[in-house]
Amino acid sequence: MKHKLEHKKMPPVRADSTALQTVIASQPFFRGFSAEHLDFLASCAMQTEFHDNEVIFQQGDVANRLYLIEDGKIALETERAECGAILIQTLGAGDALGWSWLFPPCVWRFSARAVAPTRAIFFYGTWLRERCEQDTNFGCKLMERTVQVAIDRLQATRQQLVEISQVALKAQAEALRLAIKQQKHIPHIPQTIA
């Protein structure tokens, strides 16, 4: 199924490479990367902004970017036809958004939407994948960080499932309690044997 392409109201802005490299180096996701790697990262990055409630990407769309959130809030959601969007996790400053660009078939596994005005740095995933193939040291570091993001998302999903299950169990217990209470108010009608 074809989804609409990623849409940005505010176009990405190419910042001064040195300033951008400093910002990237300060992000937890890239802490400890070499100066050479940070220089490369700055060359394939741009700063962007998202307005409140702006869709960043949709589940099922082609995944081709990694985002580092500088400030703001992003909701990661999964889409269910029968109940709409289900919140998986809310991301904020210092968080990385997007790992699907690294793993075939390179489609977004979740949807992302700004829930507050948000500033982020985005990196072209295709350039990052190419660099991973050329530079195994870079690739190993990037893979370690990206896998940690995927693990964090799995943990957030697990937590949401636990919370949803608890709500469902409480609702079932309440429905059972009401059914028992209602049954006590219904006079017992003896059964006749035919």
C-alpha atoms as a PDB file:
ATOM      1  CA  MET A   1       0.000   0.000   0.000  1.00  0.00           C
ATOM      2  CA  LYS A   2       1.388   3.403  -0.929  1.00  0.00           C
ATOM      3  CA  HIS A   3       1.407   6.051   1.774  1.00  0.00           C
ATOM      4  CA  LYS A   4       1.931   9.734   1.337  1.00  0.00           C
ATOM      5  CA  LEU A   5       5.559  10.829   1.354  1.00  0.00           C
ATOM      6  CA  GLU A   6       7.184  12.389   4.367  1.00  0.00           C
ATOM      7  CA  HIS A   7       6.010  15.971   4.596  1.00  0.00           C
ATOM      8  CA  LYS A   8       7.702  18.894   6.318  1.00  0.00           C
ATOM      9  CA  LYS A   9       6.129  22.315   6.666  1.00  0.00           C
ATOM     10  CA  MET A  10       9.510  23.740   7.637  1.00  0.00           C
ATOM     11  CA  PRO A  11      12.222  22.783   5.122  1.00  0.00           C
ATOM     12  CA  PRO A  12      15.481  21.426   6.542  1.00  0.00           C
ATOM     13  CA  VAL A  13      18.178  24.024   7.007  1.00  0.00           C
ATOM     14  CA  ARG A  14      21.852  23.333   6.325  1.00  0.00           C
ATOM     15  CA  ALA A  15      23.729  24.788   9.292  1.00  0.00           C
ATOM     16  CA  ASP A  16      27.368  25.767   9.485  1.00  0.00           C
ATOM     17  CA  SER A  17      29.227  22.422   9.378  1.00  0.00           C
ATOM     18  CA  THR A  18      31.392  23.177  12.431  1.00  0.00           C
ATOM     19  CA  ALA A  19      28.422  24.316  14.507  1.00  0.00           C
ATOM     20  CA  LEU A  20      26.407  21.296  13.419  1.00  0.00           C
ATOM     21  CA  GLN A  21      29.317  18.972  14.198  1.00  0.00           C
ATOM     22  CA  THR A  22      29.436  20.429  17.738  1.00  0.00           C
ATOM     23  CA  VAL A  23      25.696  19.878  18.199  1.00  0.00           C
ATOM     24  CA  ILE A  24      25.948  16.306  16.861  1.00  0.00           C
ATOM     25  CA  ALA A  25      28.916  15.524  19.154  1.00  0.00           C
ATOM     26  CA  SER A  26      26.873  16.683  22.163  1.00  0.00           C
ATOM     27  CA  GLN A  27      24.011  14.277  21.363  1.00  0.00           C
ATOM     28  CA  PRO A  28      24.076  11.101  23.509  1.00  0.00           C
ATOM     29  CA  PHE A  29      23.568   8.936  20.406  1.00  0.00           C
ATOM     30  CA  PHE A  30      26.897  10.043  18.856  1.00  0.00           C
ATOM     31  CA  ARG A  31      28.954  10.601  22.000  1.00  0.00           C
ATOM     32  CA  GLY A  32      32.406   9.025  21.584  1.00  0.00           C
ATOM     33  CA  PHE A  33      32.462   9.063  17.777  1.00  0.00           C
ATOM     34  CA  SER A  34      35.776  10.170  16.228  1.00  0.00           C
ATOM     35  CA  ALA A  35      36.275  13.652  14.764  1.00  0.00           C
ATOM     36  CA  GLU A  36      36.399  12.077  11.292  1.00  0.00           C
ATOM     37  CA  HIS A  37      33.055  10.352  11.861  1.00  0.00           C
ATOM     38  CA  LEU A  38      31.499  13.511  13.303  1.00  0.00           C
ATOM     39  CA  ASP A  39      32.710  15.448  10.251  1.00  0.00           C
ATOM     40  CA  PHE A  40      31.040  12.897   7.963  1.00  0.00           C
ATOM     41  CA  LEU A  41      27.849  13.006  10.052  1.00  0.00           C
ATOM     42  CA  ALA A  42      27.720  16.797   9.793  1.00  0.00           C
ATOM     43  CA  SER A  43      28.081  16.510   6.008  1.00  0.00           C
ATOM     44  CA  CYS A  44      24.918  14.389   5.705  1.00  0.00           C
ATOM     45  CA  ALA A  45      22.819  16.171   8.318  1.00  0.00           C
ATOM     46  CA  MET A  46      20.407  19.085   8.399  1.00  0.00           C
ATOM     47  CA  GLN A  47      18.415  20.770  11.097  1.00  0.00           C
ATOM     48  CA  THR A  48      14.643  20.734  10.814  1.00  0.00           C
ATOM     49  CA  GLU A  49      11.578  21.755  12.796  1.00  0.00           C
ATOM     50  CA  PHE A  50       8.164  20.204  13.280  1.00  0.00           C
ATOM     51  CA  HIS A  51       5.002  21.987  14.379  1.00  0.00           C
ATOM     52  CA  ASP A  52       2.698  20.659  17.085  1.00  0.00           C
ATOM     53  CA  ASN A  53       0.694  17.683  15.728  1.00  0.00           C
ATOM     54  CA  GLU A  54       2.751  17.498  12.518  1.00  0.00           C
ATOM     55  CA  VAL A  55       3.234  13.970  11.162  1.00  0.00           C
ATOM     56  CA  ILE A  56       6.926  13.211  10.686  1.00  0.00           C
ATOM     57  CA  PHE A  57       6.468   9.793   9.104  1.00  0.00           C
ATOM     58  CA  GLN A  58       3.810   7.107   8.912  1.00  0.00           C
ATOM     59  CA  GLN A  59       3.994   3.418   9.630  1.00  0.00           C
ATOM     60  CA  GLY A  60       4.610   1.562   6.363  1.00  0.00           C
ATOM     61  CA  ASP A  61       6.252   4.489   4.531  1.00  0.00           C
ATOM     62  CA  VAL A  62       9.771   4.152   3.147  1.00  0.00           C
ATOM     63  CA  ALA A  63      12.270   4.735   5.979  1.00  0.00           C
ATOM     64  CA  ASN A  64      15.253   6.813   4.921  1.00  0.00           C
ATOM     65  CA  ARG A  65      16.171   9.103   7.833  1.00  0.00           C
ATOM     66  CA  LEU A  66      17.548   9.129  11.341  1.00  0.00           C
ATOM     67  CA  TYR A  67      16.479  12.007  13.589  1.00  0.00           C
ATOM     68  CA  LEU A  68      18.129  13.331  16.741  1.00  0.00           C
ATOM     69  CA  ILE A  69      15.735  15.405  18.799  1.00  0.00           C
ATOM     70  CA  GLU A  70      17.258  18.656  20.052  1.00  0.00           C
ATOM     71  CA  ASP A  71      14.133  19.822  21.876  1.00  0.00           C
ATOM     72  CA  GLY A  72      10.403  19.198  21.793  1.00  0.00           C
ATOM     73  CA  LYS A  73       8.363  16.019  21.988  1.00  0.00           C
ATOM     74  CA  ILE A  74       7.571  13.273  19.496  1.00  0.00           C
ATOM     75  CA  ALA A  75       4.918  10.583  19.939  1.00  0.00           C
ATOM     76  CA  LEU A  76       5.712   7.162  18.496  1.00  0.00           C
ATOM     77  CA  GLU A  77       2.478   5.429  17.620  1.00  0.00           C
ATOM     78  CA  THR A  78       1.325   2.242  15.974  1.00  0.00           C
ATOM     79  CA  GLU A  79      -1.693   2.283  13.713  1.00  0.00           C
ATOM     80  CA  ARG A  80      -4.582  -0.142  14.212  1.00  0.00           C
ATOM     81  CA  ALA A  81      -7.552   0.045  11.838  1.00  0.00           C
ATOM     82  CA  GLU A  82     -10.017  -0.968  14.544  1.00  0.00           C
ATOM     83  CA  CYS A  83      -8.859   1.497  17.204  1.00  0.00           C
ATOM     84  CA  GLY A  84      -6.668   4.147  15.550  1.00  0.00           C
ATOM     85  CA  ALA A  85      -3.262   5.239  16.844  1.00  0.00           C
ATOM     86  CA  ILE A  86      -1.855   3.620  19.992  1.00  0.00           C
ATOM     87  CA  LEU A  87       0.891   5.534  21.795  1.00  0.00           C
ATOM     88  CA  ILE A  88       4.070   3.468  22.156  1.00  0.00           C
ATOM     89  CA  GLN A  89       6.497   6.041  23.543  1.00  0.00           C
ATOM     90  CA  THR A  90       7.063   9.774  23.825  1.00  0.00           C
ATOM     91  CA  LEU A  91      10.549  10.960  22.857  1.00  0.00           C
ATOM     92  CA  GLY A  92      12.252  14.209  23.832  1.00  0.00           C
ATOM     93  CA  ALA A  93      15.545  16.093  23.788  1.00  0.00           C
ATOM     94  CA  GLY A  94      18.552  13.825  23.335  1.00  0.00           C
ATOM     95  CA  ASP A  95      16.538  10.899  21.952  1.00  0.00           C
ATOM     96  CA  ALA A  96      17.128   9.261  18.587  1.00  0.00           C
ATOM     97  CA  LEU A  97      14.134   8.684  16.339  1.00  0.00           C
ATOM     98  CA  GLY A  98      14.194   6.054  13.630  1.00  0.00           C
ATOM     99  CA  TRP A  99      16.018   2.782  13.197  1.00  0.00           C
ATOM    100  CA  SER A 100      13.978   1.265  10.366  1.00  0.00           C
ATOM    101  CA  TRP A 101      16.172   2.896   7.689  1.00  0.00           C
ATOM    102  CA  LEU A 102      19.003   0.499   8.624  1.00  0.00           C
ATOM    103  CA  PHE A 103      17.148  -2.811   8.304  1.00  0.00           C
ATOM    104  CA  PRO A 104      15.523  -4.109   5.106  1.00  0.00           C
ATOM    105  CA  PRO A 105      12.863  -3.680   3.890  1.00  0.00           C
ATOM    106  CA  CYS A 106      13.506  -0.140   5.232  1.00  0.00           C
ATOM    107  CA  VAL A 107       9.939   0.845   6.079  1.00  0.00           C
ATOM    108  CA  TRP A 108       8.843   2.654   9.228  1.00  0.00           C
ATOM    109  CA  ARG A 109       7.612   0.241  11.904  1.00  0.00           C
ATOM    110  CA  PHE A 110       5.784   3.020  13.787  1.00  0.00           C
ATOM    111  CA  SER A 111       4.333   6.430  13.006  1.00  0.00           C
ATOM    112  CA  ALA A 112       5.875   9.570  14.494  1.00  0.00           C
ATOM    113  CA  ARG A 113       4.098  12.836  15.244  1.00  0.00           C
ATOM    114  CA  ALA A 114       5.281  15.998  16.974  1.00  0.00           C
ATOM    115  CA  VAL A 115       3.209  16.636  20.098  1.00  0.00           C
ATOM    116  CA  ALA A 116       4.972  19.935  20.758  1.00  0.00           C
ATOM    117  CA  PRO A 117       7.049  22.249  18.581  1.00  0.00           C
ATOM    118  CA  THR A 118      10.223  20.224  17.951  1.00  0.00           C
ATOM    119  CA  ARG A 119      13.706  20.892  16.617  1.00  0.00           C
ATOM    120  CA  ALA A 120      15.734  17.961  15.306  1.00  0.00           C
ATOM    121  CA  ILE A 121      18.731  17.027  13.229  1.00  0.00           C
ATOM    122  CA  PHE A 122      18.069  14.553  10.461  1.00  0.00           C
ATOM    123  CA  PHE A 123      20.553  12.349   8.659  1.00  0.00           C
ATOM    124  CA  TYR A 124      20.058  10.706   5.288  1.00  0.00           C
ATOM    125  CA  GLY A 125      19.791   6.989   6.044  1.00  0.00           C
ATOM    126  CA  THR A 126      21.045   5.920   2.608  1.00  0.00           C
ATOM    127  CA  TRP A 127      24.283   7.872   3.153  1.00  0.00           C
ATOM    128  CA  LEU A 128      24.684   6.376   6.601  1.00  0.00           C
ATOM    129  CA  ARG A 129      24.181   2.835   5.243  1.00  0.00           C
ATOM    130  CA  GLU A 130      26.774   3.440   2.510  1.00  0.00           C
ATOM    131  CA  ARG A 131      29.292   4.707   5.079  1.00  0.00           C
ATOM    132  CA  CYS A 132      28.628   1.657   7.285  1.00  0.00           C
ATOM    133  CA  GLU A 133      29.587  -0.589   4.356  1.00  0.00           C
ATOM    134  CA  GLN A 134      32.765   1.400   3.640  1.00  0.00           C
ATOM    135  CA  ASP A 135      33.926   1.975   7.229  1.00  0.00           C
ATOM    136  CA  THR A 136      33.359  -1.007   9.527  1.00  0.00           C
ATOM    137  CA  ASN A 137      34.414   0.929  12.657  1.00  0.00           C
ATOM    138  CA  PHE A 138      31.756   3.563  11.941  1.00  0.00           C
ATOM    139  CA  GLY A 139      29.261   0.859  10.996  1.00  0.00           C
ATOM    140  CA  CYS A 140      29.841  -1.101  14.199  1.00  0.00           C
ATOM    141  CA  LYS A 141      29.388   1.988  16.402  1.00  0.00           C
ATOM    142  CA  LEU A 142      26.286   3.090  14.514  1.00  0.00           C
ATOM    143  CA  MET A 143      24.828  -0.431  14.636  1.00  0.00           C
ATOM    144  CA  GLU A 144      25.400  -0.650  18.421  1.00  0.00           C
ATOM    145  CA  ARG A 145      23.602   2.659  18.986  1.00  0.00           C
ATOM    146  CA  THR A 146      20.784   1.823  16.577  1.00  0.00           C
ATOM    147  CA  VAL A 147      20.200  -1.609  18.094  1.00  0.00           C
ATOM    148  CA  GLN A 148      19.962   0.052  21.510  1.00  0.00           C
ATOM    149  CA  VAL A 149      17.246   2.353  20.111  1.00  0.00           C
ATOM    150  CA  ALA A 150      15.392  -0.709  18.751  1.00  0.00           C
ATOM    151  CA  ILE A 151      15.672  -2.412  22.164  1.00  0.00           C
ATOM    152  CA  ASP A 152      14.311   0.709  23.856  1.00  0.00           C
ATOM    153  CA  ARG A 153      11.336   0.684  21.463  1.00  0.00           C
ATOM    154  CA  LEU A 154      10.697  -3.001  22.171  1.00  0.00           C
ATOM    155  CA  GLN A 155      10.760  -2.314  25.908  1.00  0.00           C
ATOM    156  CA  ALA A 156       8.358   0.613  25.472  1.00  0.00           C
ATOM    157  CA  THR A 157       6.054  -1.597  23.398  1.00  0.00           C
ATOM    158  CA  ARG A 158       6.188  -4.315  26.057  1.00  0.00           C
ATOM    159  CA  GLN A 159       5.315  -1.775  28.750  1.00  0.00           C
ATOM    160  CA  GLN A 160       2.357  -0.519  26.703  1.00  0.00           C
ATOM    161  CA  LEU A 161       1.122  -4.102  26.252  1.00  0.00           C
ATOM    162  CA  VAL A 162       1.324  -4.660  30.019  1.00  0.00           C
ATOM    163  CA  GLU A 163      -0.622  -1.455  30.686  1.00  0.00           C
ATOM    164  CA  ILE A 164      -3.247  -2.258  28.040  1.00  0.00           C
ATOM    165  CA  SER A 165      -3.612  -5.784  29.454  1.00  0.00           C
ATOM    166  CA  GLN A 166      -4.091  -4.398  32.962  1.00  0.00           C
ATOM    167  CA  VAL A 167      -6.809  -2.035  31.735  1.00  0.00           C
ATOM    168  CA  ALA A 168      -8.514  -4.885  29.865  1.00  0.00           C
ATOM    169  CA  LEU A 169      -8.383  -7.144  32.948  1.00  0.00           C
ATOM    170  CA  LYS A 170      -9.850  -4.407  35.136  1.00  0.00           C
ATOM    171  CA  ALA A 171     -12.641  -3.849  32.597  1.00  0.00           C
ATOM    172  CA  GLN A 172     -13.393  -7.581  32.469  1.00  0.00           C
ATOM    173  CA  ALA A 173     -13.430  -7.828  36.286  1.00  0.00           C
ATOM    174  CA  GLU A 174     -15.809  -4.849  36.494  1.00  0.00           C
ATOM    175  CA  ALA A 175     -18.095  -6.358  33.841  1.00  0.00           C
ATOM    176  CA  LEU A 176     -18.147  -9.657  35.744  1.00  0.00           C
ATOM    177  CA  ARG A 177     -18.860  -7.860  39.025  1.00  0.00           C
ATOM    178  CA  LEU A 178     -21.773  -5.987  37.423  1.00  0.00           C
ATOM    179  CA  ALA A 179     -23.145  -9.179  35.852  1.00  0.00           C
ATOM    180  CA  ILE A 180     -23.056 -10.960  39.230  1.00  0.00           C
ATOM    181  CA  LYS A 181     -24.675  -7.976  40.948  1.00  0.00           C
ATOM    182  CA  GLN A 182     -27.390  -7.836  38.287  1.00  0.00           C
ATOM    183  CA  GLN A 183     -27.990 -11.589  38.536  1.00  0.00           C
ATOM    184  CA  LYS A 184     -28.645 -11.271  42.313  1.00  0.00           C
ATOM    185  CA  HIS A 185     -31.509  -8.853  41.545  1.00  0.00           C
ATOM    186  CA  ILE A 186     -33.197 -11.213  39.062  1.00  0.00           C
ATOM    187  CA  PRO A 187     -35.658 -13.561  40.819  1.00  0.00           C
ATOM    188  CA  HIS A 188     -34.781 -17.213  40.416  1.00  0.00           C
ATOM    189  CA  ILE A 189     -37.175 -18.952  38.034  1.00  0.00           C
ATOM    190  CA  PRO A 190     -37.378 -22.688  38.656  1.00  0.00           C
ATOM    191  CA  GLN A 191     -36.816 -24.897  35.630  1.00  0.00           C
ATOM    192  CA  THR A 192     -39.579 -27.312  34.728  1.00  0.00           C
ATOM    193  CA  ILE A 193     -38.818 -30.768  33.514  1.00  0.00           C
ATOM    194  CA  ALA A 194     -40.707 -31.652  30.378  1.00  0.00           C
END
